[in-house]
Amino acid sequence: MAPGLLRRTLVSSERLMICRFDLEGGVVIPSHSHPHEQAGYVVSGRIRITLDGESRELGPGDSYSAASSVPHSAVALDKSVVVDTFFPPREDYR
């Protein structure tokens, strides 16, 4: 996807998709939005996620969600693993 960022689609059905993201420390995911609902879980590491202008630092065991079309971005503060779900599935991630 970008230097220091690896995405693996773990499973995808007609209605739901689960992806794993491996991020090197310092990786920036710029602000973006999409029509999909997104919910994520931090498996390891630390990230700073900004949802609709509000930032939070998350670590292992923390989770977040972004409603459809809400702008969001992230910064990997450490080497991190994040698992995200998307509804409906993202065709560009199949």
PDB file of N, CA and C in Angstrom:
ATOM      1  N   MET A   1       0.824  -1.197   0.000  1.00  0.00           N
ATOM      2  CA  MET A   1       0.000   0.000   0.000  1.00  0.00           C
ATOM      3  C   MET A   1       0.865   1.257   0.000  1.00  0.00           C
ATOM      4  N   ALA A   2       1.851   1.278   0.873  1.00  0.00           N
ATOM      5  CA  ALA A   2       2.784   2.403   0.977  1.00  0.00           C
ATOM      6  C   ALA A   2       4.027   1.867   1.668  1.00  0.00           C
ATOM      7  N   PRO A   3       5.160   2.564   1.544  1.00  0.00           N
ATOM      8  CA  PRO A   3       6.363   2.088   2.243  1.00  0.00           C
ATOM      9  C   PRO A   3       6.102   1.939   3.741  1.00  0.00           C
ATOM     10  N   GLY A   4       6.444   0.775   4.282  1.00  0.00           N
ATOM     11  CA  GLY A   4       6.262   0.526   5.706  1.00  0.00           C
ATOM     12  C   GLY A   4       4.870   0.087   6.106  1.00  0.00           C
ATOM     13  N   LEU A   5       3.983  -0.123   5.125  1.00  0.00           N
ATOM     14  CA  LEU A   5       2.603  -0.518   5.405  1.00  0.00           C
ATOM     15  C   LEU A   5       2.245  -1.719   4.546  1.00  0.00           C
ATOM     16  N   LEU A   6       1.837  -2.799   5.197  1.00  0.00           N
ATOM     17  CA  LEU A   6       1.443  -4.015   4.497  1.00  0.00           C
ATOM     18  C   LEU A   6       0.008  -4.344   4.881  1.00  0.00           C
ATOM     19  N   ARG A   7      -0.851  -4.565   3.883  1.00  0.00           N
ATOM     20  CA  ARG A   7      -2.238  -4.959   4.128  1.00  0.00           C
ATOM     21  C   ARG A   7      -2.452  -6.377   3.646  1.00  0.00           C
ATOM     22  N   ARG A   8      -3.130  -7.167   4.465  1.00  0.00           N
ATOM     23  CA  ARG A   8      -3.529  -8.517   4.075  1.00  0.00           C
ATOM     24  C   ARG A   8      -5.035  -8.632   4.295  1.00  0.00           C
ATOM     25  N   THR A   9      -5.771  -8.975   3.264  1.00  0.00           N
ATOM     26  CA  THR A   9      -7.195  -9.231   3.432  1.00  0.00           C
ATOM     27  C   THR A   9      -7.327 -10.646   3.982  1.00  0.00           C
ATOM     28  N   LEU A  10      -7.865 -10.766   5.194  1.00  0.00           N
ATOM     29  CA  LEU A  10      -7.954 -12.055   5.869  1.00  0.00           C
ATOM     30  C   LEU A  10      -9.178 -12.840   5.428  1.00  0.00           C
ATOM     31  N   VAL A  11     -10.311 -12.147   5.298  1.00  0.00           N
ATOM     32  CA  VAL A  11     -11.550 -12.795   4.876  1.00  0.00           C
ATOM     33  C   VAL A  11     -12.470 -11.734   4.301  1.00  0.00           C
ATOM     34  N   SER A  12     -13.260 -12.148   3.334  1.00  0.00           N
ATOM     35  CA  SER A  12     -14.203 -11.228   2.717  1.00  0.00           C
ATOM     36  C   SER A  12     -15.446 -12.000   2.311  1.00  0.00           C
ATOM     37  N   SER A  13     -16.596 -11.442   2.631  1.00  0.00           N
ATOM     38  CA  SER A  13     -17.865 -12.036   2.222  1.00  0.00           C
ATOM     39  C   SER A  13     -18.636 -10.969   1.440  1.00  0.00           C
ATOM     40  N   GLU A  14     -19.878 -11.242   1.162  1.00  0.00           N
ATOM     41  CA  GLU A  14     -20.690 -10.252   0.454  1.00  0.00           C
ATOM     42  C   GLU A  14     -20.907  -9.003   1.291  1.00  0.00           C
ATOM     43  N   ARG A  15     -20.912  -9.144   2.623  1.00  0.00           N
ATOM     44  CA  ARG A  15     -21.290  -8.022   3.486  1.00  0.00           C
ATOM     45  C   ARG A  15     -20.195  -7.509   4.415  1.00  0.00           C
ATOM     46  N   LEU A  16     -19.084  -8.241   4.570  1.00  0.00           N
ATOM     47  CA  LEU A  16     -18.089  -7.873   5.568  1.00  0.00           C
ATOM     48  C   LEU A  16     -16.694  -8.245   5.097  1.00  0.00           C
ATOM     49  N   MET A  17     -15.705  -7.452   5.522  1.00  0.00           N
ATOM     50  CA  MET A  17     -14.308  -7.720   5.190  1.00  0.00           C
ATOM     51  C   MET A  17     -13.456  -7.485   6.434  1.00  0.00           C
ATOM     52  N   ILE A  18     -12.465  -8.362   6.642  1.00  0.00           N
ATOM     53  CA  ILE A  18     -11.511  -8.199   7.737  1.00  0.00           C
ATOM     54  C   ILE A  18     -10.111  -8.164   7.135  1.00  0.00           C
ATOM     55  N   CYS A  19      -9.333  -7.132   7.508  1.00  0.00           N
ATOM     56  CA  CYS A  19      -7.974  -6.950   7.000  1.00  0.00           C
ATOM     57  C   CYS A  19      -7.000  -6.769   8.155  1.00  0.00           C
ATOM     58  N   ARG A  20      -5.779  -7.216   7.928  1.00  0.00           N
ATOM     59  CA  ARG A  20      -4.680  -7.006   8.878  1.00  0.00           C
ATOM     60  C   ARG A  20      -3.725  -5.989   8.260  1.00  0.00           C
ATOM     61  N   PHE A  21      -3.330  -5.014   9.062  1.00  0.00           N
ATOM     62  CA  PHE A  21      -2.370  -4.004   8.635  1.00  0.00           C
ATOM     63  C   PHE A  21      -1.137  -4.096   9.524  1.00  0.00           C
ATOM     64  N   ASP A  22       0.040  -4.275   8.915  1.00  0.00           N
ATOM     65  CA  ASP A  22       1.313  -4.246   9.623  1.00  0.00           C
ATOM     66  C   ASP A  22       1.966  -2.918   9.275  1.00  0.00           C
ATOM     67  N   LEU A  23       2.241  -2.112  10.291  1.00  0.00           N
ATOM     68  CA  LEU A  23       2.778  -0.773  10.086  1.00  0.00           C
ATOM     69  C   LEU A  23       4.128  -0.635  10.767  1.00  0.00           C
ATOM     70  N   GLU A  24       5.103  -0.126  10.059  1.00  0.00           N
ATOM     71  CA  GLU A  24       6.376   0.239  10.671  1.00  0.00           C
ATOM     72  C   GLU A  24       6.169   1.544  11.435  1.00  0.00           C
ATOM     73  N   GLY A  25       6.969   1.774  12.478  1.00  0.00           N
ATOM     74  CA  GLY A  25       6.883   3.028  13.211  1.00  0.00           C
ATOM     75  C   GLY A  25       7.094   4.216  12.285  1.00  0.00           C
ATOM     76  N   GLY A  26       6.276   5.242  12.454  1.00  0.00           N
ATOM     77  CA  GLY A  26       6.398   6.450  11.651  1.00  0.00           C
ATOM     78  C   GLY A  26       5.513   6.488  10.418  1.00  0.00           C
ATOM     79  N   VAL A  27       4.893   5.370  10.057  1.00  0.00           N
ATOM     80  CA  VAL A  27       4.007   5.357   8.886  1.00  0.00           C
ATOM     81  C   VAL A  27       2.822   6.289   9.143  1.00  0.00           C
ATOM     82  N   VAL A  28       2.507   7.101   8.143  1.00  0.00           N
ATOM     83  CA  VAL A  28       1.379   8.027   8.211  1.00  0.00           C
ATOM     84  C   VAL A  28       0.336   7.603   7.184  1.00  0.00           C
ATOM     85  N   ILE A  29      -0.885   7.431   7.644  1.00  0.00           N
ATOM     86  CA  ILE A  29      -2.022   7.210   6.743  1.00  0.00           C
ATOM     87  C   ILE A  29      -2.767   8.532   6.690  1.00  0.00           C
ATOM     88  N   PRO A  30      -2.680   9.238   5.557  1.00  0.00           N
ATOM     89  CA  PRO A  30      -3.266  10.580   5.465  1.00  0.00           C
ATOM     90  C   PRO A  30      -4.783  10.563   5.664  1.00  0.00           C
ATOM     91  N   SER A  31      -5.303  11.707   6.002  1.00  0.00           N
ATOM     92  CA  SER A  31      -6.744  11.851   6.194  1.00  0.00           C
ATOM     93  C   SER A  31      -7.479  11.456   4.916  1.00  0.00           C
ATOM     94  N   HIS A  32      -8.516  10.666   5.101  1.00  0.00           N
ATOM     95  CA  HIS A  32      -9.329  10.208   3.985  1.00  0.00           C
ATOM     96  C   HIS A  32     -10.701   9.816   4.521  1.00  0.00           C
ATOM     97  N   SER A  33     -11.627   9.575   3.640  1.00  0.00           N
ATOM     98  CA  SER A  33     -12.931   9.045   4.028  1.00  0.00           C
ATOM     99  C   SER A  33     -13.393   8.100   2.928  1.00  0.00           C
ATOM    100  N   HIS A  34     -14.347   7.255   3.266  1.00  0.00           N
ATOM    101  CA  HIS A  34     -14.908   6.314   2.307  1.00  0.00           C
ATOM    102  C   HIS A  34     -16.317   5.964   2.763  1.00  0.00           C
ATOM    103  N   PRO A  35     -17.115   5.408   1.876  1.00  0.00           N
ATOM    104  CA  PRO A  35     -18.504   5.114   2.246  1.00  0.00           C
ATOM    105  C   PRO A  35     -18.661   3.908   3.167  1.00  0.00           C
ATOM    106  N   HIS A  36     -17.567   3.199   3.440  1.00  0.00           N
ATOM    107  CA  HIS A  36     -17.621   1.999   4.275  1.00  0.00           C
ATOM    108  C   HIS A  36     -17.571   2.355   5.753  1.00  0.00           C
ATOM    109  N   GLU A  37     -18.318   1.636   6.579  1.00  0.00           N
ATOM    110  CA  GLU A  37     -18.108   1.719   8.018  1.00  0.00           C
ATOM    111  C   GLU A  37     -16.835   0.942   8.315  1.00  0.00           C
ATOM    112  N   GLN A  38     -16.060   1.406   9.290  1.00  0.00           N
ATOM    113  CA  GLN A  38     -14.793   0.765   9.625  1.00  0.00           C
ATOM    114  C   GLN A  38     -14.666   0.665  11.135  1.00  0.00           C
ATOM    115  N   ALA A  39     -14.251  -0.497  11.618  1.00  0.00           N
ATOM    116  CA  ALA A  39     -13.957  -0.685  13.038  1.00  0.00           C
ATOM    117  C   ALA A  39     -12.622  -1.405  13.116  1.00  0.00           C
ATOM    118  N   GLY A  40     -11.768  -0.970  14.040  1.00  0.00           N
ATOM    119  CA  GLY A  40     -10.437  -1.536  14.143  1.00  0.00           C
ATOM    120  C   GLY A  40     -10.052  -1.899  15.557  1.00  0.00           C
ATOM    121  N   TYR A  41      -9.065  -2.800  15.648  1.00  0.00           N
ATOM    122  CA  TYR A  41      -8.546  -3.305  16.915  1.00  0.00           C
ATOM    123  C   TYR A  41      -7.028  -3.297  16.833  1.00  0.00           C
ATOM    124  N   VAL A  42      -6.380  -2.683  17.821  1.00  0.00           N
ATOM    125  CA  VAL A  42      -4.922  -2.646  17.863  1.00  0.00           C
ATOM    126  C   VAL A  42      -4.430  -3.922  18.540  1.00  0.00           C
ATOM    127  N   VAL A  43      -3.723  -4.750  17.774  1.00  0.00           N
ATOM    128  CA  VAL A  43      -3.189  -6.013  18.286  1.00  0.00           C
ATOM    129  C   VAL A  43      -1.893  -5.754  19.047  1.00  0.00           C
ATOM    130  N   SER A  44      -1.010  -4.939  18.456  1.00  0.00           N
ATOM    131  CA  SER A  44       0.274  -4.626  19.093  1.00  0.00           C
ATOM    132  C   SER A  44       0.751  -3.257  18.626  1.00  0.00           C
ATOM    133  N   GLY A  45       1.644  -2.672  19.405  1.00  0.00           N
ATOM    134  CA  GLY A  45       2.192  -1.366  19.061  1.00  0.00           C
ATOM    135  C   GLY A  45       1.332  -0.229  19.578  1.00  0.00           C
ATOM    136  N   ARG A  46       1.587   0.953  19.020  1.00  0.00           N
ATOM    137  CA  ARG A  46       0.832   2.157  19.397  1.00  0.00           C
ATOM    138  C   ARG A  46       0.565   2.966  18.139  1.00  0.00           C
ATOM    139  N   ILE A  47      -0.669   3.464  18.024  1.00  0.00           N
ATOM    140  CA  ILE A  47      -1.027   4.342  16.918  1.00  0.00           C
ATOM    141  C   ILE A  47      -1.745   5.574  17.469  1.00  0.00           C
ATOM    142  N   ARG A  48      -1.699   6.639  16.703  1.00  0.00           N
ATOM    143  CA  ARG A  48      -2.529   7.811  16.995  1.00  0.00           C
ATOM    144  C   ARG A  48      -3.527   7.897  15.858  1.00  0.00           C
ATOM    145  N   ILE A  49      -4.795   7.807  16.197  1.00  0.00           N
ATOM    146  CA  ILE A  49      -5.839   7.880  15.183  1.00  0.00           C
ATOM    147  C   ILE A  49      -6.606   9.176  15.374  1.00  0.00           C
ATOM    148  N   THR A  50      -6.932   9.813  14.270  1.00  0.00           N
ATOM    149  CA  THR A  50      -7.726  11.035  14.302  1.00  0.00           C
ATOM    150  C   THR A  50      -9.021  10.762  13.547  1.00  0.00           C
ATOM    151  N   LEU A  51     -10.131  10.916  14.253  1.00  0.00           N
ATOM    152  CA  LEU A  51     -11.462  10.692  13.691  1.00  0.00           C
ATOM    153  C   LEU A  51     -12.231  12.001  13.747  1.00  0.00           C
ATOM    154  N   ASP A  52     -12.599  12.515  12.593  1.00  0.00           N
ATOM    155  CA  ASP A  52     -13.394  13.738  12.511  1.00  0.00           C
ATOM    156  C   ASP A  52     -12.769  14.866  13.344  1.00  0.00           C
ATOM    157  N   GLY A  53     -11.413  14.964  13.298  1.00  0.00           N
ATOM    158  CA  GLY A  53     -10.688  16.037  13.970  1.00  0.00           C
ATOM    159  C   GLY A  53     -10.287  15.758  15.407  1.00  0.00           C
ATOM    160  N   GLU A  54     -10.720  14.643  15.990  1.00  0.00           N
ATOM    161  CA  GLU A  54     -10.384  14.308  17.376  1.00  0.00           C
ATOM    162  C   GLU A  54      -9.361  13.175  17.397  1.00  0.00           C
ATOM    163  N   SER A  55      -8.206  13.413  18.052  1.00  0.00           N
ATOM    164  CA  SER A  55      -7.115  12.436  18.085  1.00  0.00           C
ATOM    165  C   SER A  55      -7.093  11.660  19.392  1.00  0.00           C
ATOM    166  N   ARG A  56      -6.726  10.375  19.270  1.00  0.00           N
ATOM    167  CA  ARG A  56      -6.552   9.509  20.434  1.00  0.00           C
ATOM    168  C   ARG A  56      -5.360   8.605  20.200  1.00  0.00           C
ATOM    169  N   GLU A  57      -4.612   8.334  21.260  1.00  0.00           N
ATOM    170  CA  GLU A  57      -3.510   7.375  21.185  1.00  0.00           C
ATOM    171  C   GLU A  57      -4.038   6.023  21.651  1.00  0.00           C
ATOM    172  N   LEU A  58      -3.781   4.991  20.854  1.00  0.00           N
ATOM    173  CA  LEU A  58      -4.296   3.660  21.144  1.00  0.00           C
ATOM    174  C   LEU A  58      -3.155   2.658  21.227  1.00  0.00           C
ATOM    175  N   GLY A  59      -3.322   1.661  22.091  1.00  0.00           N
ATOM    176  CA  GLY A  59      -2.341   0.597  22.234  1.00  0.00           C
ATOM    177  C   GLY A  59      -3.022  -0.755  22.193  1.00  0.00           C
ATOM    178  N   PRO A  60      -2.278  -1.820  22.501  1.00  0.00           N
ATOM    179  CA  PRO A  60      -2.825  -3.170  22.423  1.00  0.00           C
ATOM    180  C   PRO A  60      -4.132  -3.317  23.207  1.00  0.00           C
ATOM    181  N   GLY A  61      -5.134  -3.875  22.525  1.00  0.00           N
ATOM    182  CA  GLY A  61      -6.436  -4.091  23.151  1.00  0.00           C
ATOM    183  C   GLY A  61      -7.416  -2.957  22.937  1.00  0.00           C
ATOM    184  N   ASP A  62      -6.951  -1.819  22.435  1.00  0.00           N
ATOM    185  CA  ASP A  62      -7.852  -0.695  22.177  1.00  0.00           C
ATOM    186  C   ASP A  62      -8.516  -0.856  20.818  1.00  0.00           C
ATOM    187  N   SER A  63      -9.674  -0.218  20.669  1.00  0.00           N
ATOM    188  CA  SER A  63     -10.396  -0.296  19.404  1.00  0.00           C
ATOM    189  C   SER A  63     -10.993   1.064  19.066  1.00  0.00           C
ATOM    190  N   TYR A  64     -11.479   1.175  17.842  1.00  0.00           N
ATOM    191  CA  TYR A  64     -12.050   2.428  17.347  1.00  0.00           C
ATOM    192  C   TYR A  64     -13.038   2.103  16.246  1.00  0.00           C
ATOM    193  N   SER A  65     -13.861   3.086  15.901  1.00  0.00           N
ATOM    194  CA  SER A  65     -14.751   2.922  14.756  1.00  0.00           C
ATOM    195  C   SER A  65     -14.893   4.256  14.052  1.00  0.00           C
ATOM    196  N   ALA A  66     -15.071   4.178  12.746  1.00  0.00           N
ATOM    197  CA  ALA A  66     -15.283   5.357  11.908  1.00  0.00           C
ATOM    198  C   ALA A  66     -16.562   5.119  11.114  1.00  0.00           C
ATOM    199  N   ALA A  67     -17.519   6.000  11.288  1.00  0.00           N
ATOM    200  CA  ALA A  67     -18.768   5.885  10.546  1.00  0.00           C
ATOM    201  C   ALA A  67     -18.520   6.198   9.074  1.00  0.00           C
ATOM    202  N   SER A  68     -19.431   5.802   8.261  1.00  0.00           N
ATOM    203  CA  SER A  68     -19.356   6.054   6.826  1.00  0.00           C
ATOM    204  C   SER A  68     -19.089   7.531   6.545  1.00  0.00           C
ATOM    205  N   SER A  69     -18.119   7.794   5.680  1.00  0.00           N
ATOM    206  CA  SER A  69     -17.782   9.132   5.177  1.00  0.00           C
ATOM    207  C   SER A  69     -17.150  10.075   6.199  1.00  0.00           C
ATOM    208  N   VAL A  70     -16.795   9.582   7.395  1.00  0.00           N
ATOM    209  CA  VAL A  70     -16.130  10.411   8.403  1.00  0.00           C
ATOM    210  C   VAL A  70     -14.635  10.460   8.086  1.00  0.00           C
ATOM    211  N   PRO A  71     -14.042  11.666   7.985  1.00  0.00           N
ATOM    212  CA  PRO A  71     -12.596  11.759   7.738  1.00  0.00           C
ATOM    213  C   PRO A  71     -11.798  11.148   8.893  1.00  0.00           C
ATOM    214  N   HIS A  72     -10.758  10.377   8.539  1.00  0.00           N
ATOM    215  CA  HIS A  72      -9.911   9.771   9.563  1.00  0.00           C
ATOM    216  C   HIS A  72      -8.504   9.583   9.014  1.00  0.00           C
ATOM    217  N   SER A  73      -7.536   9.549   9.941  1.00  0.00           N
ATOM    218  CA  SER A  73      -6.122   9.368   9.601  1.00  0.00           C
ATOM    219  C   SER A  73      -5.469   8.625  10.751  1.00  0.00           C
ATOM    220  N   ALA A  74      -4.227   8.172  10.513  1.00  0.00           N
ATOM    221  CA  ALA A  74      -3.507   7.460  11.567  1.00  0.00           C
ATOM    222  C   ALA A  74      -2.008   7.659  11.397  1.00  0.00           C
ATOM    223  N   VAL A  75      -1.297   7.551  12.524  1.00  0.00           N
ATOM    224  CA  VAL A  75       0.157   7.567  12.557  1.00  0.00           C
ATOM    225  C   VAL A  75       0.590   6.398  13.433  1.00  0.00           C
ATOM    226  N   ALA A  76       1.494   5.576  12.924  1.00  0.00           N
ATOM    227  CA  ALA A  76       2.044   4.479  13.729  1.00  0.00           C
ATOM    228  C   ALA A  76       3.156   5.062  14.598  1.00  0.00           C
ATOM    229  N   LEU A  77       2.941   5.098  15.897  1.00  0.00           N
ATOM    230  CA  LEU A  77       3.935   5.634  16.824  1.00  0.00           C
ATOM    231  C   LEU A  77       5.043   4.619  17.075  1.00  0.00           C
ATOM    232  N   ASP A  78       4.721   3.348  16.930  1.00  0.00           N
ATOM    233  CA  ASP A  78       5.659   2.227  17.043  1.00  0.00           C
ATOM    234  C   ASP A  78       5.308   1.240  15.937  1.00  0.00           C
ATOM    235  N   LYS A  79       6.120   0.226  15.766  1.00  0.00           N
ATOM    236  CA  LYS A  79       5.750  -0.875  14.883  1.00  0.00           C
ATOM    237  C   LYS A  79       4.444  -1.448  15.425  1.00  0.00           C
ATOM    238  N   SER A  80       3.434  -1.586  14.565  1.00  0.00           N
ATOM    239  CA  SER A  80       2.092  -1.934  15.036  1.00  0.00           C
ATOM    240  C   SER A  80       1.408  -2.930  14.117  1.00  0.00           C
ATOM    241  N   VAL A  81       0.456  -3.644  14.692  1.00  0.00           N
ATOM    242  CA  VAL A  81      -0.442  -4.514  13.941  1.00  0.00           C
ATOM    243  C   VAL A  81      -1.864  -4.107  14.318  1.00  0.00           C
ATOM    244  N   VAL A  82      -2.674  -3.843  13.287  1.00  0.00           N
ATOM    245  CA  VAL A  82      -4.059  -3.428  13.476  1.00  0.00           C
ATOM    246  C   VAL A  82      -4.940  -4.316  12.606  1.00  0.00           C
ATOM    247  N   VAL A  83      -6.067  -4.749  13.151  1.00  0.00           N
ATOM    248  CA  VAL A  83      -7.049  -5.513  12.381  1.00  0.00           C
ATOM    249  C   VAL A  83      -8.272  -4.630  12.207  1.00  0.00           C
ATOM    250  N   ASP A  84      -8.674  -4.435  10.946  1.00  0.00           N
ATOM    251  CA  ASP A  84      -9.824  -3.592  10.616  1.00  0.00           C
ATOM    252  C   ASP A  84     -10.915  -4.412   9.961  1.00  0.00           C
ATOM    253  N   THR A  85     -12.158  -4.029  10.241  1.00  0.00           N
ATOM    254  CA  THR A  85     -13.302  -4.590   9.548  1.00  0.00           C
ATOM    255  C   THR A  85     -13.960  -3.487   8.733  1.00  0.00           C
ATOM    256  N   PHE A  86     -14.515  -3.858   7.603  1.00  0.00           N
ATOM    257  CA  PHE A  86     -15.188  -2.902   6.726  1.00  0.00           C
ATOM    258  C   PHE A  86     -16.557  -3.452   6.334  1.00  0.00           C
ATOM    259  N   PHE A  87     -17.556  -2.569   6.372  1.00  0.00           N
ATOM    260  CA  PHE A  87     -18.901  -2.904   5.906  1.00  0.00           C
ATOM    261  C   PHE A  87     -19.390  -1.770   5.031  1.00  0.00           C
ATOM    262  N   PRO A  88     -19.772  -2.030   3.834  1.00  0.00           N
ATOM    263  CA  PRO A  88     -19.580  -3.283   3.108  1.00  0.00           C
ATOM    264  C   PRO A  88     -18.105  -3.468   2.759  1.00  0.00           C
ATOM    265  N   PRO A  89     -17.732  -4.616   2.203  1.00  0.00           N
ATOM    266  CA  PRO A  89     -16.336  -4.841   1.833  1.00  0.00           C
ATOM    267  C   PRO A  89     -15.830  -3.782   0.852  1.00  0.00           C
ATOM    268  N   ARG A  90     -14.552  -3.492   0.937  1.00  0.00           N
ATOM    269  CA  ARG A  90     -13.913  -2.562  -0.002  1.00  0.00           C
ATOM    270  C   ARG A  90     -13.472  -3.341  -1.234  1.00  0.00           C
ATOM    271  N   GLU A  91     -14.025  -3.010  -2.360  1.00  0.00           N
ATOM    272  CA  GLU A  91     -13.652  -3.696  -3.592  1.00  0.00           C
ATOM    273  C   GLU A  91     -12.165  -3.515  -3.899  1.00  0.00           C
ATOM    274  N   ASP A  92     -11.593  -2.346  -3.552  1.00  0.00           N
ATOM    275  CA  ASP A  92     -10.177  -2.102  -3.837  1.00  0.00           C
ATOM    276  C   ASP A  92      -9.248  -2.934  -2.951  1.00  0.00           C
ATOM    277  N   TYR A  93      -9.775  -3.594  -1.916  1.00  0.00           N
ATOM    278  CA  TYR A  93      -8.972  -4.444  -1.034  1.00  0.00           C
ATOM    279  C   TYR A  93      -9.178  -5.936  -1.310  1.00  0.00           C
ATOM    280  N   ARG A  94     -10.040  -6.290  -2.224  1.00  0.00           N
ATOM    281  CA  ARG A  94     -10.288  -7.724  -2.518  1.00  0.00           C
ATOM    282  C   ARG A  94      -9.078  -8.321  -3.193  1.00  0.00           C
TER     283      ARG A  94
END
